[in-house]
Amino acid sequence: MGSTSSPGLYKGDAPTYLIPSPNAVFSATATLVAGTDGYGIQAATTTAGSGSILSLNPRYNQTGSVVGGLTTTTLTLASSSATTSNRQVLVTHRVAVSASTPSGNYSDTITYSCVAN
């Protein structure tokens, strides 16, 4: 969780700064553009394993410069309604910054959970 109240990459030392996820208005998805702050993830699955292929949340099933925005609440990244074995979800983290973005150490806390029914 970026700044504890908004999702993004957060720099806590002075001057504090948040690179919002995925953009300044916290849309569900955004196209990252050089020179404009933005941050998010993309997800993909592999064909390895057996059983049902995992279904990705459309928000994160993105390619190129489009990313899904992170939130401060729980969202499902991938799911399956059938038996699966050895399936993988590959997550890519992407960021774009402007020339005026303060330099420093940025961080975000992302928690992934796997639940079986």
C-alpha atoms as a PDB file:
ATOM      1  CA  MET A   1       0.000   0.000   0.000  1.00  0.00           C
ATOM      2  CA  GLY A   2       1.664   3.183  -1.184  1.00  0.00           C
ATOM      3  CA  SER A   3       1.077   5.993   1.296  1.00  0.00           C
ATOM      4  CA  THR A   4      -1.328   4.025   3.576  1.00  0.00           C
ATOM      5  CA  SER A   5      -4.245   6.017   2.135  1.00  0.00           C
ATOM      6  CA  SER A   6      -3.595   5.849  -1.625  1.00  0.00           C
ATOM      7  CA  PRO A   7      -2.137   3.094  -3.810  1.00  0.00           C
ATOM      8  CA  GLY A   8       1.209   3.675  -5.486  1.00  0.00           C
ATOM      9  CA  LEU A   9       4.935   3.874  -4.997  1.00  0.00           C
ATOM     10  CA  TYR A  10       5.660   6.023  -1.964  1.00  0.00           C
ATOM     11  CA  LYS A  11       8.738   7.952  -0.897  1.00  0.00           C
ATOM     12  CA  GLY A  12       8.494   8.616   2.823  1.00  0.00           C
ATOM     13  CA  ASP A  13      11.539  10.824   3.334  1.00  0.00           C
ATOM     14  CA  ALA A  14      11.462  14.553   2.543  1.00  0.00           C
ATOM     15  CA  PRO A  15      10.072  15.541   0.245  1.00  0.00           C
ATOM     16  CA  THR A  16       7.435  12.825   0.514  1.00  0.00           C
ATOM     17  CA  TYR A  17       5.939  11.830  -2.812  1.00  0.00           C
ATOM     18  CA  LEU A  18       3.516   9.298  -4.264  1.00  0.00           C
ATOM     19  CA  ILE A  19       3.674   7.875  -7.786  1.00  0.00           C
ATOM     20  CA  PRO A  20      -0.039   7.039  -8.045  1.00  0.00           C
ATOM     21  CA  SER A  21      -1.380   3.717  -9.279  1.00  0.00           C
ATOM     22  CA  PRO A  22      -2.044   3.649 -12.094  1.00  0.00           C
ATOM     23  CA  ASN A  23      -2.395   7.418 -12.668  1.00  0.00           C
ATOM     24  CA  ALA A  24      -3.259  10.662 -10.913  1.00  0.00           C
ATOM     25  CA  VAL A  25      -7.018   9.945 -10.945  1.00  0.00           C
ATOM     26  CA  PHE A  26      -6.583   6.302  -9.800  1.00  0.00           C
ATOM     27  CA  SER A  27      -8.315   4.754 -12.857  1.00  0.00           C
ATOM     28  CA  ALA A  28      -8.673   0.966 -13.068  1.00  0.00           C
ATOM     29  CA  THR A  29      -6.161   0.842 -15.950  1.00  0.00           C
ATOM     30  CA  ALA A  30      -3.850   3.340 -17.590  1.00  0.00           C
ATOM     31  CA  THR A  31      -1.293   3.580 -20.366  1.00  0.00           C
ATOM     32  CA  LEU A  32       2.064   4.496 -18.901  1.00  0.00           C
ATOM     33  CA  VAL A  33       3.725   7.342 -20.766  1.00  0.00           C
ATOM     34  CA  ALA A  34       7.270   8.624 -20.320  1.00  0.00           C
ATOM     35  CA  GLY A  35       7.118  11.971 -18.560  1.00  0.00           C
ATOM     36  CA  THR A  36       3.890  11.237 -16.660  1.00  0.00           C
ATOM     37  CA  ASP A  37       3.818   9.530 -13.262  1.00  0.00           C
ATOM     38  CA  GLY A  38       2.088   6.163 -13.162  1.00  0.00           C
ATOM     39  CA  TYR A  39       2.536   2.687 -11.696  1.00  0.00           C
ATOM     40  CA  GLY A  40       0.774  -0.645 -11.942  1.00  0.00           C
ATOM     41  CA  ILE A  41       1.011  -4.319 -12.787  1.00  0.00           C
ATOM     42  CA  GLN A  42       0.355  -6.707 -15.636  1.00  0.00           C
ATOM     43  CA  ALA A  43      -0.453 -10.400 -15.209  1.00  0.00           C
ATOM     44  CA  ALA A  44      -0.077 -13.387 -17.514  1.00  0.00           C
ATOM     45  CA  THR A  45      -0.479 -17.130 -17.099  1.00  0.00           C
ATOM     46  CA  THR A  46       1.629 -19.988 -18.402  1.00  0.00           C
ATOM     47  CA  THR A  47       0.444 -23.068 -20.237  1.00  0.00           C
ATOM     48  CA  ALA A  48       2.514 -25.327 -17.970  1.00  0.00           C
ATOM     49  CA  GLY A  49       0.676 -27.514 -15.478  1.00  0.00           C
ATOM     50  CA  SER A  50      -2.529 -29.441 -15.783  1.00  0.00           C
ATOM     51  CA  GLY A  51      -6.231 -28.857 -15.433  1.00  0.00           C
ATOM     52  CA  SER A  52      -8.046 -25.598 -15.980  1.00  0.00           C
ATOM     53  CA  ILE A  53      -6.160 -22.522 -17.163  1.00  0.00           C
ATOM     54  CA  LEU A  54      -6.398 -19.679 -14.669  1.00  0.00           C
ATOM     55  CA  SER A  55      -8.725 -16.784 -15.461  1.00  0.00           C
ATOM     56  CA  LEU A  56      -7.087 -13.396 -15.047  1.00  0.00           C
ATOM     57  CA  ASN A  57      -8.853 -10.318 -13.753  1.00  0.00           C
ATOM     58  CA  PRO A  58      -9.271  -8.171 -16.928  1.00  0.00           C
ATOM     59  CA  ARG A  59      -7.880  -5.211 -15.002  1.00  0.00           C
ATOM     60  CA  TYR A  60      -4.460  -6.902 -14.899  1.00  0.00           C
ATOM     61  CA  ASN A  61      -4.593  -8.919 -18.128  1.00  0.00           C
ATOM     62  CA  GLN A  62      -2.679  -6.177 -19.955  1.00  0.00           C
ATOM     63  CA  THR A  63       0.295  -5.924 -22.318  1.00  0.00           C
ATOM     64  CA  GLY A  64       2.541  -3.216 -23.711  1.00  0.00           C
ATOM     65  CA  SER A  65       2.417   0.016 -21.723  1.00  0.00           C
ATOM     66  CA  VAL A  66      -1.051  -0.596 -20.239  1.00  0.00           C
ATOM     67  CA  VAL A  67      -1.155  -1.519 -16.546  1.00  0.00           C
ATOM     68  CA  GLY A  68      -3.831  -2.326 -14.018  1.00  0.00           C
ATOM     69  CA  GLY A  69      -3.980  -0.086 -11.010  1.00  0.00           C
ATOM     70  CA  LEU A  70      -3.321  -1.379  -7.523  1.00  0.00           C
ATOM     71  CA  THR A  71      -5.775  -0.644  -4.728  1.00  0.00           C
ATOM     72  CA  THR A  72      -5.830  -0.394  -0.956  1.00  0.00           C
ATOM     73  CA  THR A  73      -8.504  -3.108  -0.879  1.00  0.00           C
ATOM     74  CA  THR A  74      -8.427  -6.795  -1.829  1.00  0.00           C
ATOM     75  CA  LEU A  75      -8.899  -7.679  -5.510  1.00  0.00           C
ATOM     76  CA  THR A  76      -8.714 -11.082  -7.200  1.00  0.00           C
ATOM     77  CA  LEU A  77      -5.759 -11.344  -9.570  1.00  0.00           C
ATOM     78  CA  ALA A  78      -6.484 -14.814 -10.973  1.00  0.00           C
ATOM     79  CA  SER A  79      -8.963 -17.591 -10.321  1.00  0.00           C
ATOM     80  CA  SER A  80     -10.193 -20.987 -11.458  1.00  0.00           C
ATOM     81  CA  SER A  81     -13.437 -22.829 -10.905  1.00  0.00           C
ATOM     82  CA  ALA A  82     -11.875 -26.214 -11.723  1.00  0.00           C
ATOM     83  CA  THR A  83      -9.054 -28.381 -10.418  1.00  0.00           C
ATOM     84  CA  THR A  84      -5.623 -27.097 -11.415  1.00  0.00           C
ATOM     85  CA  SER A  85      -2.059 -28.135 -10.766  1.00  0.00           C
ATOM     86  CA  ASN A  86       1.251 -26.286 -11.162  1.00  0.00           C
ATOM     87  CA  ARG A  87      -0.269 -23.197 -12.780  1.00  0.00           C
ATOM     88  CA  GLN A  88       1.572 -19.899 -12.570  1.00  0.00           C
ATOM     89  CA  VAL A  89       0.636 -16.241 -12.671  1.00  0.00           C
ATOM     90  CA  LEU A  90       3.480 -14.026 -13.841  1.00  0.00           C
ATOM     91  CA  VAL A  91       3.249 -10.471 -12.499  1.00  0.00           C
ATOM     92  CA  THR A  92       5.184  -7.597 -14.069  1.00  0.00           C
ATOM     93  CA  HIS A  93       5.512  -4.311 -12.186  1.00  0.00           C
ATOM     94  CA  ARG A  94       5.834  -1.210 -14.378  1.00  0.00           C
ATOM     95  CA  VAL A  95       6.378   2.464 -13.599  1.00  0.00           C
ATOM     96  CA  ALA A  96       6.740   5.746 -15.501  1.00  0.00           C
ATOM     97  CA  VAL A  97       7.942   9.021 -14.001  1.00  0.00           C
ATOM     98  CA  SER A  98       8.176  12.664 -14.955  1.00  0.00           C
ATOM     99  CA  ALA A  99      11.306  14.796 -14.915  1.00  0.00           C
ATOM    100  CA  SER A 100       9.964  16.560 -11.799  1.00  0.00           C
ATOM    101  CA  THR A 101       9.503  13.340  -9.782  1.00  0.00           C
ATOM    102  CA  PRO A 102      11.768  13.664  -6.720  1.00  0.00           C
ATOM    103  CA  SER A 103      14.643  11.193  -6.637  1.00  0.00           C
ATOM    104  CA  GLY A 104      14.818   8.790  -3.725  1.00  0.00           C
ATOM    105  CA  ASN A 105      13.824   5.350  -2.511  1.00  0.00           C
ATOM    106  CA  TYR A 106      10.235   4.423  -3.332  1.00  0.00           C
ATOM    107  CA  SER A 107       8.406   1.403  -1.962  1.00  0.00           C
ATOM    108  CA  ASP A 108       5.072  -0.337  -2.005  1.00  0.00           C
ATOM    109  CA  THR A 109       3.714  -3.263  -0.005  1.00  0.00           C
ATOM    110  CA  ILE A 110       1.764  -5.802  -2.036  1.00  0.00           C
ATOM    111  CA  THR A 111       0.333  -8.918  -0.423  1.00  0.00           C
ATOM    112  CA  TYR A 112      -0.500 -11.961  -2.549  1.00  0.00           C
ATOM    113  CA  SER A 113      -2.630 -14.742  -1.066  1.00  0.00           C
ATOM    114  CA  CYS A 114      -3.586 -18.104  -2.495  1.00  0.00           C
ATOM    115  CA  VAL A 115      -6.923 -19.516  -1.362  1.00  0.00           C
ATOM    116  CA  ALA A 116      -8.214 -23.009  -2.158  1.00  0.00           C
ATOM    117  CA  ASN A 117     -11.863 -23.955  -1.845  1.00  0.00           C
END
